[in-house]
Amino acid sequence: MASLPPRFDISRQEIETVVAAFYALIRQHPGLGPVFAAHISDWPPHESKVADFWANAILHERSYDGNPLLVHRQAGNVHPGMFETWLGLFDRVLAAELRPDQAAAWSALAHKIGRSLRAGVVEKVKNSDGIPMLR
């Protein structure tokens, strides 16, 4: 079976560089840092797993075997309003680390995946009256 071409021109090393730079920012962020720190004590394996996720999504590698929606739902401290901040930081890293065409393509994909994850979290995070909690 022929493999699919990458979604856009990027190397595995560039993906790993973006992931490392992003999590360096996350660890320092006053709002998101503690959310991640509650679940991650050993950052290199987490960054490797996230790099595998993106390599699968962009390069069509088959190195990722997780379920991001389930992980975000089960975390217990991930709220839908956090995705906007997360994506803003991610876009900042993309712009700093990549060529404009790469940053734009990856940002579009990240925002699409972010909308899907946010919707999945909203489905599980509702008030007693059934209305989704957006913050």
N, C-alpha and C. Protein backbone atom coordinates (compact mmCIF):
# COMPACT_ATOMS: atom_id res chain seq x y z
N MET A 1 0.84 -1.17 0.00
CA MET A 1 0.00 0.00 0.00
C MET A 1 0.89 1.24 0.00
N ALA A 2 0.57 2.18 -0.87
CA ALA A 2 1.35 3.42 -0.95
C ALA A 2 1.01 4.32 0.24
N SER A 3 2.01 4.99 0.76
CA SER A 3 1.76 5.88 1.88
C SER A 3 1.25 7.23 1.36
N LEU A 4 0.51 7.90 2.20
CA LEU A 4 -0.03 9.21 1.84
C LEU A 4 1.08 10.26 1.91
N PRO A 5 1.02 11.26 1.05
CA PRO A 5 2.00 12.34 1.14
C PRO A 5 1.72 13.21 2.37
N PRO A 6 2.73 13.89 2.87
CA PRO A 6 2.50 14.79 4.01
C PRO A 6 1.44 15.84 3.67
N ARG A 7 0.75 16.31 4.69
CA ARG A 7 -0.26 17.37 4.49
C ARG A 7 0.40 18.65 4.00
N PHE A 8 1.62 18.90 4.46
CA PHE A 8 2.40 20.05 4.02
C PHE A 8 3.87 19.74 4.26
N ASP A 9 4.73 20.57 3.70
CA ASP A 9 6.18 20.35 3.75
C ASP A 9 6.73 20.68 5.14
N ILE A 10 7.07 19.62 5.88
CA ILE A 10 7.67 19.78 7.20
C ILE A 10 8.41 18.49 7.54
N SER A 11 9.46 18.60 8.32
CA SER A 11 10.21 17.41 8.72
C SER A 11 9.81 16.96 10.12
N ARG A 12 10.14 15.73 10.44
CA ARG A 12 9.91 15.23 11.80
C ARG A 12 10.68 16.09 12.81
N GLN A 13 11.90 16.48 12.47
CA GLN A 13 12.71 17.32 13.38
C GLN A 13 12.03 18.66 13.63
N GLU A 14 11.44 19.26 12.60
CA GLU A 14 10.74 20.54 12.79
C GLU A 14 9.53 20.34 13.71
N ILE A 15 8.83 19.24 13.56
CA ILE A 15 7.70 18.94 14.44
C ILE A 15 8.18 18.84 15.88
N GLU A 16 9.26 18.11 16.11
CA GLU A 16 9.80 17.95 17.46
C GLU A 16 10.25 19.28 18.05
N THR A 17 10.84 20.14 17.23
CA THR A 17 11.28 21.46 17.68
C THR A 17 10.09 22.30 18.12
N VAL A 18 9.01 22.30 17.33
CA VAL A 18 7.81 23.05 17.68
C VAL A 18 7.21 22.52 18.99
N VAL A 19 7.11 21.21 19.12
CA VAL A 19 6.53 20.62 20.32
C VAL A 19 7.35 21.00 21.56
N ALA A 20 8.67 20.91 21.47
CA ALA A 20 9.53 21.27 22.61
C ALA A 20 9.38 22.74 22.97
N ALA A 21 9.37 23.63 21.98
CA ALA A 21 9.23 25.06 22.24
C ALA A 21 7.85 25.36 22.84
N PHE A 22 6.82 24.68 22.35
CA PHE A 22 5.47 24.89 22.87
C PHE A 22 5.39 24.50 24.34
N TYR A 23 5.91 23.33 24.69
CA TYR A 23 5.81 22.91 26.08
C TYR A 23 6.71 23.71 27.01
N ALA A 24 7.78 24.29 26.48
CA ALA A 24 8.57 25.22 27.30
C ALA A 24 7.72 26.43 27.67
N LEU A 25 6.92 26.92 26.73
CA LEU A 25 6.01 28.04 27.02
C LEU A 25 4.89 27.61 27.98
N ILE A 26 4.33 26.44 27.75
CA ILE A 26 3.25 25.93 28.60
C ILE A 26 3.70 25.86 30.06
N ARG A 27 4.89 25.33 30.29
CA ARG A 27 5.37 25.17 31.67
C ARG A 27 5.46 26.51 32.39
N GLN A 28 5.67 27.59 31.65
CA GLN A 28 5.79 28.92 32.25
C GLN A 28 4.46 29.67 32.32
N HIS A 29 3.43 29.18 31.65
CA HIS A 29 2.17 29.90 31.57
C HIS A 29 1.41 29.81 32.89
N PRO A 30 0.97 30.95 33.43
CA PRO A 30 0.32 30.94 34.74
C PRO A 30 -1.02 30.19 34.77
N GLY A 31 -1.72 30.15 33.66
CA GLY A 31 -3.01 29.46 33.62
C GLY A 31 -2.91 28.02 33.19
N LEU A 32 -2.16 27.76 32.13
CA LEU A 32 -2.09 26.40 31.59
C LEU A 32 -1.00 25.56 32.25
N GLY A 33 0.07 26.18 32.70
CA GLY A 33 1.16 25.43 33.33
C GLY A 33 0.70 24.50 34.43
N PRO A 34 -0.08 24.99 35.40
CA PRO A 34 -0.53 24.12 36.48
C PRO A 34 -1.47 23.00 36.01
N VAL A 35 -2.24 23.26 34.97
CA VAL A 35 -3.15 22.23 34.43
C VAL A 35 -2.32 21.06 33.91
N PHE A 36 -1.30 21.36 33.13
CA PHE A 36 -0.44 20.31 32.59
C PHE A 36 0.38 19.66 33.70
N ALA A 37 0.91 20.47 34.61
CA ALA A 37 1.77 19.95 35.68
C ALA A 37 1.03 18.97 36.58
N ALA A 38 -0.29 19.10 36.68
CA ALA A 38 -1.07 18.17 37.49
C ALA A 38 -1.06 16.75 36.92
N HIS A 39 -0.70 16.63 35.64
CA HIS A 39 -0.74 15.33 34.97
C HIS A 39 0.62 14.86 34.45
N ILE A 40 1.55 15.79 34.29
CA ILE A 40 2.83 15.45 33.66
C ILE A 40 3.97 15.79 34.60
N SER A 41 4.72 14.78 34.98
CA SER A 41 5.90 15.02 35.80
C SER A 41 7.17 14.75 35.01
N ASP A 42 7.07 13.94 33.98
CA ASP A 42 8.21 13.59 33.13
C ASP A 42 7.91 14.12 31.72
N TRP A 43 8.45 15.29 31.42
CA TRP A 43 8.09 15.98 30.18
C TRP A 43 8.59 15.32 28.90
N PRO A 44 9.82 14.79 28.84
CA PRO A 44 10.29 14.22 27.56
C PRO A 44 9.37 13.12 26.98
N PRO A 45 8.86 12.17 27.78
CA PRO A 45 7.95 11.18 27.18
C PRO A 45 6.64 11.81 26.68
N HIS A 46 6.14 12.82 27.40
CA HIS A 46 4.93 13.50 26.96
C HIS A 46 5.18 14.22 25.63
N GLU A 47 6.29 14.94 25.55
CA GLU A 47 6.62 15.66 24.32
C GLU A 47 6.81 14.69 23.16
N SER A 48 7.42 13.55 23.43
CA SER A 48 7.61 12.54 22.39
C SER A 48 6.27 12.02 21.89
N LYS A 49 5.34 11.77 22.82
CA LYS A 49 4.02 11.27 22.44
C LYS A 49 3.27 12.32 21.62
N VAL A 50 3.37 13.59 22.01
CA VAL A 50 2.70 14.65 21.26
C VAL A 50 3.35 14.82 19.88
N ALA A 51 4.66 14.71 19.81
CA ALA A 51 5.34 14.77 18.50
C ALA A 51 4.87 13.60 17.62
N ASP A 52 4.69 12.43 18.22
CA ASP A 52 4.14 11.29 17.46
C ASP A 52 2.73 11.61 16.95
N PHE A 53 1.91 12.25 17.79
CA PHE A 53 0.56 12.63 17.37
C PHE A 53 0.62 13.52 16.13
N TRP A 54 1.46 14.57 16.21
CA TRP A 54 1.54 15.49 15.08
C TRP A 54 2.17 14.84 13.85
N ALA A 55 3.16 13.98 14.05
CA ALA A 55 3.76 13.28 12.92
C ALA A 55 2.73 12.38 12.24
N ASN A 56 1.84 11.81 13.03
CA ASN A 56 0.77 11.00 12.46
C ASN A 56 -0.21 11.90 11.69
N ALA A 57 -0.60 13.02 12.29
CA ALA A 57 -1.58 13.92 11.67
C ALA A 57 -1.05 14.61 10.42
N ILE A 58 0.25 14.93 10.40
CA ILE A 58 0.82 15.71 9.30
C ILE A 58 1.56 14.82 8.29
N LEU A 59 2.41 13.94 8.81
CA LEU A 59 3.26 13.12 7.94
C LEU A 59 2.66 11.74 7.65
N HIS A 60 1.56 11.44 8.31
CA HIS A 60 0.89 10.14 8.19
C HIS A 60 1.75 8.99 8.69
N GLU A 61 2.62 9.29 9.66
CA GLU A 61 3.37 8.22 10.34
C GLU A 61 2.37 7.44 11.18
N ARG A 62 2.74 6.26 11.56
CA ARG A 62 1.85 5.45 12.39
C ARG A 62 2.50 5.17 13.74
N SER A 63 3.04 6.23 14.35
CA SER A 63 3.76 6.05 15.61
C SER A 63 2.92 6.43 16.83
N TYR A 64 1.74 7.01 16.62
CA TYR A 64 0.90 7.47 17.72
C TYR A 64 -0.24 6.48 17.96
N ASP A 65 -0.47 6.14 19.22
CA ASP A 65 -1.54 5.18 19.52
C ASP A 65 -2.45 5.65 20.65
N GLY A 66 -2.54 6.94 20.88
CA GLY A 66 -3.34 7.45 21.99
C GLY A 66 -4.74 7.88 21.56
N ASN A 67 -5.47 8.43 22.53
CA ASN A 67 -6.81 8.96 22.30
C ASN A 67 -6.90 10.33 22.97
N PRO A 68 -6.57 11.40 22.24
CA PRO A 68 -6.52 12.73 22.85
C PRO A 68 -7.86 13.17 23.46
N LEU A 69 -8.96 12.84 22.83
CA LEU A 69 -10.25 13.24 23.37
C LEU A 69 -10.49 12.61 24.74
N LEU A 70 -10.23 11.33 24.84
CA LEU A 70 -10.42 10.63 26.11
C LEU A 70 -9.50 11.20 27.19
N VAL A 71 -8.25 11.46 26.85
CA VAL A 71 -7.29 12.01 27.81
C VAL A 71 -7.76 13.37 28.32
N HIS A 72 -8.22 14.23 27.43
CA HIS A 72 -8.68 15.55 27.85
C HIS A 72 -9.96 15.48 28.67
N ARG A 73 -10.83 14.56 28.33
CA ARG A 73 -12.06 14.38 29.13
C ARG A 73 -11.74 13.87 30.53
N GLN A 74 -10.84 12.90 30.61
CA GLN A 74 -10.54 12.26 31.89
C GLN A 74 -9.65 13.11 32.79
N ALA A 75 -8.98 14.10 32.24
CA ALA A 75 -8.07 14.92 33.04
C ALA A 75 -8.79 15.56 34.22
N GLY A 76 -10.01 15.99 34.02
CA GLY A 76 -10.79 16.58 35.10
C GLY A 76 -10.54 18.06 35.32
N ASN A 77 -9.45 18.59 34.79
CA ASN A 77 -9.17 20.02 34.99
C ASN A 77 -9.00 20.76 33.66
N VAL A 78 -9.43 20.14 32.57
CA VAL A 78 -9.38 20.78 31.26
C VAL A 78 -10.78 21.32 30.96
N HIS A 79 -10.85 22.62 30.71
CA HIS A 79 -12.13 23.27 30.47
C HIS A 79 -12.14 23.87 29.07
N PRO A 80 -13.31 23.91 28.45
CA PRO A 80 -13.39 24.39 27.06
C PRO A 80 -12.76 25.75 26.82
N GLY A 81 -12.86 26.68 27.78
CA GLY A 81 -12.29 28.00 27.59
C GLY A 81 -10.78 28.04 27.48
N MET A 82 -10.11 26.95 27.87
CA MET A 82 -8.65 26.89 27.81
C MET A 82 -8.11 26.71 26.39
N PHE A 83 -8.94 26.21 25.49
CA PHE A 83 -8.45 25.89 24.15
C PHE A 83 -8.03 27.13 23.39
N GLU A 84 -8.72 28.24 23.59
CA GLU A 84 -8.35 29.49 22.92
C GLU A 84 -6.93 29.92 23.32
N THR A 85 -6.64 29.85 24.61
CA THR A 85 -5.31 30.21 25.11
C THR A 85 -4.27 29.25 24.56
N TRP A 86 -4.57 27.96 24.62
CA TRP A 86 -3.67 26.92 24.11
C TRP A 86 -3.33 27.19 22.65
N LEU A 87 -4.36 27.44 21.83
CA LEU A 87 -4.13 27.67 20.40
C LEU A 87 -3.37 28.96 20.15
N GLY A 88 -3.60 29.98 20.96
CA GLY A 88 -2.86 31.23 20.81
C GLY A 88 -1.38 31.03 21.06
N LEU A 89 -1.05 30.28 22.11
CA LEU A 89 0.36 29.98 22.40
C LEU A 89 0.96 29.12 21.29
N PHE A 90 0.19 28.16 20.81
CA PHE A 90 0.68 27.28 19.76
C PHE A 90 0.97 28.08 18.48
N ASP A 91 0.05 28.98 18.13
CA ASP A 91 0.27 29.83 16.95
C ASP A 91 1.53 30.68 17.10
N ARG A 92 1.77 31.18 18.32
CA ARG A 92 2.97 31.98 18.58
C ARG A 92 4.24 31.17 18.31
N VAL A 93 4.24 29.92 18.78
CA VAL A 93 5.39 29.05 18.56
C VAL A 93 5.55 28.73 17.08
N LEU A 94 4.45 28.43 16.41
CA LEU A 94 4.52 28.12 14.97
C LEU A 94 5.14 29.28 14.21
N ALA A 95 4.70 30.50 14.51
CA ALA A 95 5.22 31.68 13.81
C ALA A 95 6.70 31.90 14.09
N ALA A 96 7.13 31.56 15.30
CA ALA A 96 8.53 31.77 15.67
C ALA A 96 9.46 30.69 15.12
N GLU A 97 8.96 29.48 14.97
CA GLU A 97 9.83 28.35 14.64
C GLU A 97 9.80 27.91 13.17
N LEU A 98 8.76 28.30 12.43
CA LEU A 98 8.58 27.76 11.08
C LEU A 98 8.49 28.85 10.02
N ARG A 99 8.60 28.43 8.78
CA ARG A 99 8.33 29.34 7.67
C ARG A 99 6.84 29.71 7.70
N PRO A 100 6.48 30.86 7.15
CA PRO A 100 5.07 31.27 7.16
C PRO A 100 4.11 30.24 6.56
N ASP A 101 4.50 29.60 5.46
CA ASP A 101 3.59 28.61 4.84
C ASP A 101 3.39 27.40 5.75
N GLN A 102 4.46 26.97 6.41
CA GLN A 102 4.35 25.84 7.34
C GLN A 102 3.49 26.23 8.54
N ALA A 103 3.75 27.42 9.09
CA ALA A 103 3.00 27.88 10.26
C ALA A 103 1.52 27.98 9.94
N ALA A 104 1.18 28.52 8.78
CA ALA A 104 -0.23 28.68 8.40
C ALA A 104 -0.92 27.32 8.24
N ALA A 105 -0.24 26.39 7.58
CA ALA A 105 -0.84 25.07 7.36
C ALA A 105 -1.03 24.33 8.68
N TRP A 106 -0.01 24.36 9.55
CA TRP A 106 -0.12 23.66 10.83
C TRP A 106 -1.15 24.33 11.73
N SER A 107 -1.20 25.65 11.70
CA SER A 107 -2.18 26.38 12.51
C SER A 107 -3.60 25.99 12.10
N ALA A 108 -3.85 25.93 10.81
CA ALA A 108 -5.20 25.55 10.34
C ALA A 108 -5.57 24.16 10.85
N LEU A 109 -4.63 23.23 10.79
CA LEU A 109 -4.88 21.88 11.27
C LEU A 109 -5.08 21.87 12.79
N ALA A 110 -4.25 22.60 13.52
CA ALA A 110 -4.37 22.66 14.98
C ALA A 110 -5.71 23.25 15.41
N HIS A 111 -6.15 24.28 14.71
CA HIS A 111 -7.43 24.90 15.05
C HIS A 111 -8.59 23.94 14.76
N LYS A 112 -8.50 23.19 13.68
CA LYS A 112 -9.54 22.20 13.35
C LYS A 112 -9.59 21.12 14.44
N ILE A 113 -8.44 20.60 14.81
CA ILE A 113 -8.37 19.57 15.87
C ILE A 113 -8.81 20.17 17.20
N GLY A 114 -8.40 21.40 17.48
CA GLY A 114 -8.80 22.08 18.71
C GLY A 114 -10.30 22.24 18.82
N ARG A 115 -10.96 22.60 17.71
CA ARG A 115 -12.43 22.72 17.72
C ARG A 115 -13.07 21.38 18.04
N SER A 116 -12.53 20.34 17.47
CA SER A 116 -13.06 19.00 17.72
C SER A 116 -12.87 18.58 19.18
N LEU A 117 -11.68 18.80 19.72
CA LEU A 117 -11.42 18.47 21.12
C LEU A 117 -12.30 19.30 22.05
N ARG A 118 -12.39 20.59 21.76
CA ARG A 118 -13.22 21.47 22.58
C ARG A 118 -14.66 20.99 22.57
N ALA A 119 -15.18 20.65 21.41
CA ALA A 119 -16.55 20.15 21.32
C ALA A 119 -16.71 18.87 22.12
N GLY A 120 -15.73 17.99 22.07
CA GLY A 120 -15.79 16.75 22.83
C GLY A 120 -15.75 16.96 24.32
N VAL A 121 -14.99 17.97 24.75
CA VAL A 121 -14.94 18.29 26.17
C VAL A 121 -16.25 18.95 26.59
N VAL A 122 -16.80 19.84 25.76
CA VAL A 122 -18.06 20.52 26.07
C VAL A 122 -19.18 19.49 26.24
N GLU A 123 -19.17 18.45 25.42
CA GLU A 123 -20.20 17.42 25.54
C GLU A 123 -20.22 16.82 26.94
N LYS A 124 -19.08 16.72 27.56
CA LYS A 124 -18.97 16.13 28.89
C LYS A 124 -19.07 17.14 30.02
N VAL A 125 -18.87 18.43 29.72
CA VAL A 125 -18.85 19.45 30.77
C VAL A 125 -20.11 20.30 30.64
N LYS A 126 -21.16 19.88 31.37
CA LYS A 126 -22.44 20.59 31.30
C LYS A 126 -22.92 20.93 32.70
N ASN A 127 -23.69 22.00 32.77
CA ASN A 127 -24.35 22.36 34.02
C ASN A 127 -25.45 21.34 34.30
N SER A 128 -26.02 21.40 35.49
CA SER A 128 -27.09 20.47 35.85
C SER A 128 -28.30 20.60 34.94
N ASP A 129 -28.46 21.77 34.28
CA ASP A 129 -29.59 21.95 33.37
C ASP A 129 -29.28 21.46 31.95
N GLY A 130 -28.08 20.88 31.76
CA GLY A 130 -27.71 20.32 30.46
C GLY A 130 -27.05 21.29 29.51
N ILE A 131 -26.93 22.55 29.90
CA ILE A 131 -26.31 23.56 29.04
C ILE A 131 -24.79 23.46 29.19
N PRO A 132 -24.05 23.41 28.07
CA PRO A 132 -22.59 23.32 28.16
C PRO A 132 -21.97 24.49 28.92
N MET A 133 -20.96 24.18 29.75
CA MET A 133 -20.19 25.20 30.44
C MET A 133 -19.02 25.58 29.53
N LEU A 134 -18.97 26.83 29.13
CA LEU A 134 -17.95 27.25 28.17
C LEU A 134 -16.72 27.84 28.82
N ARG A 135 -16.68 28.03 30.09
CA ARG A 135 -15.50 28.56 30.77
C ARG A 135 -15.12 27.66 31.92
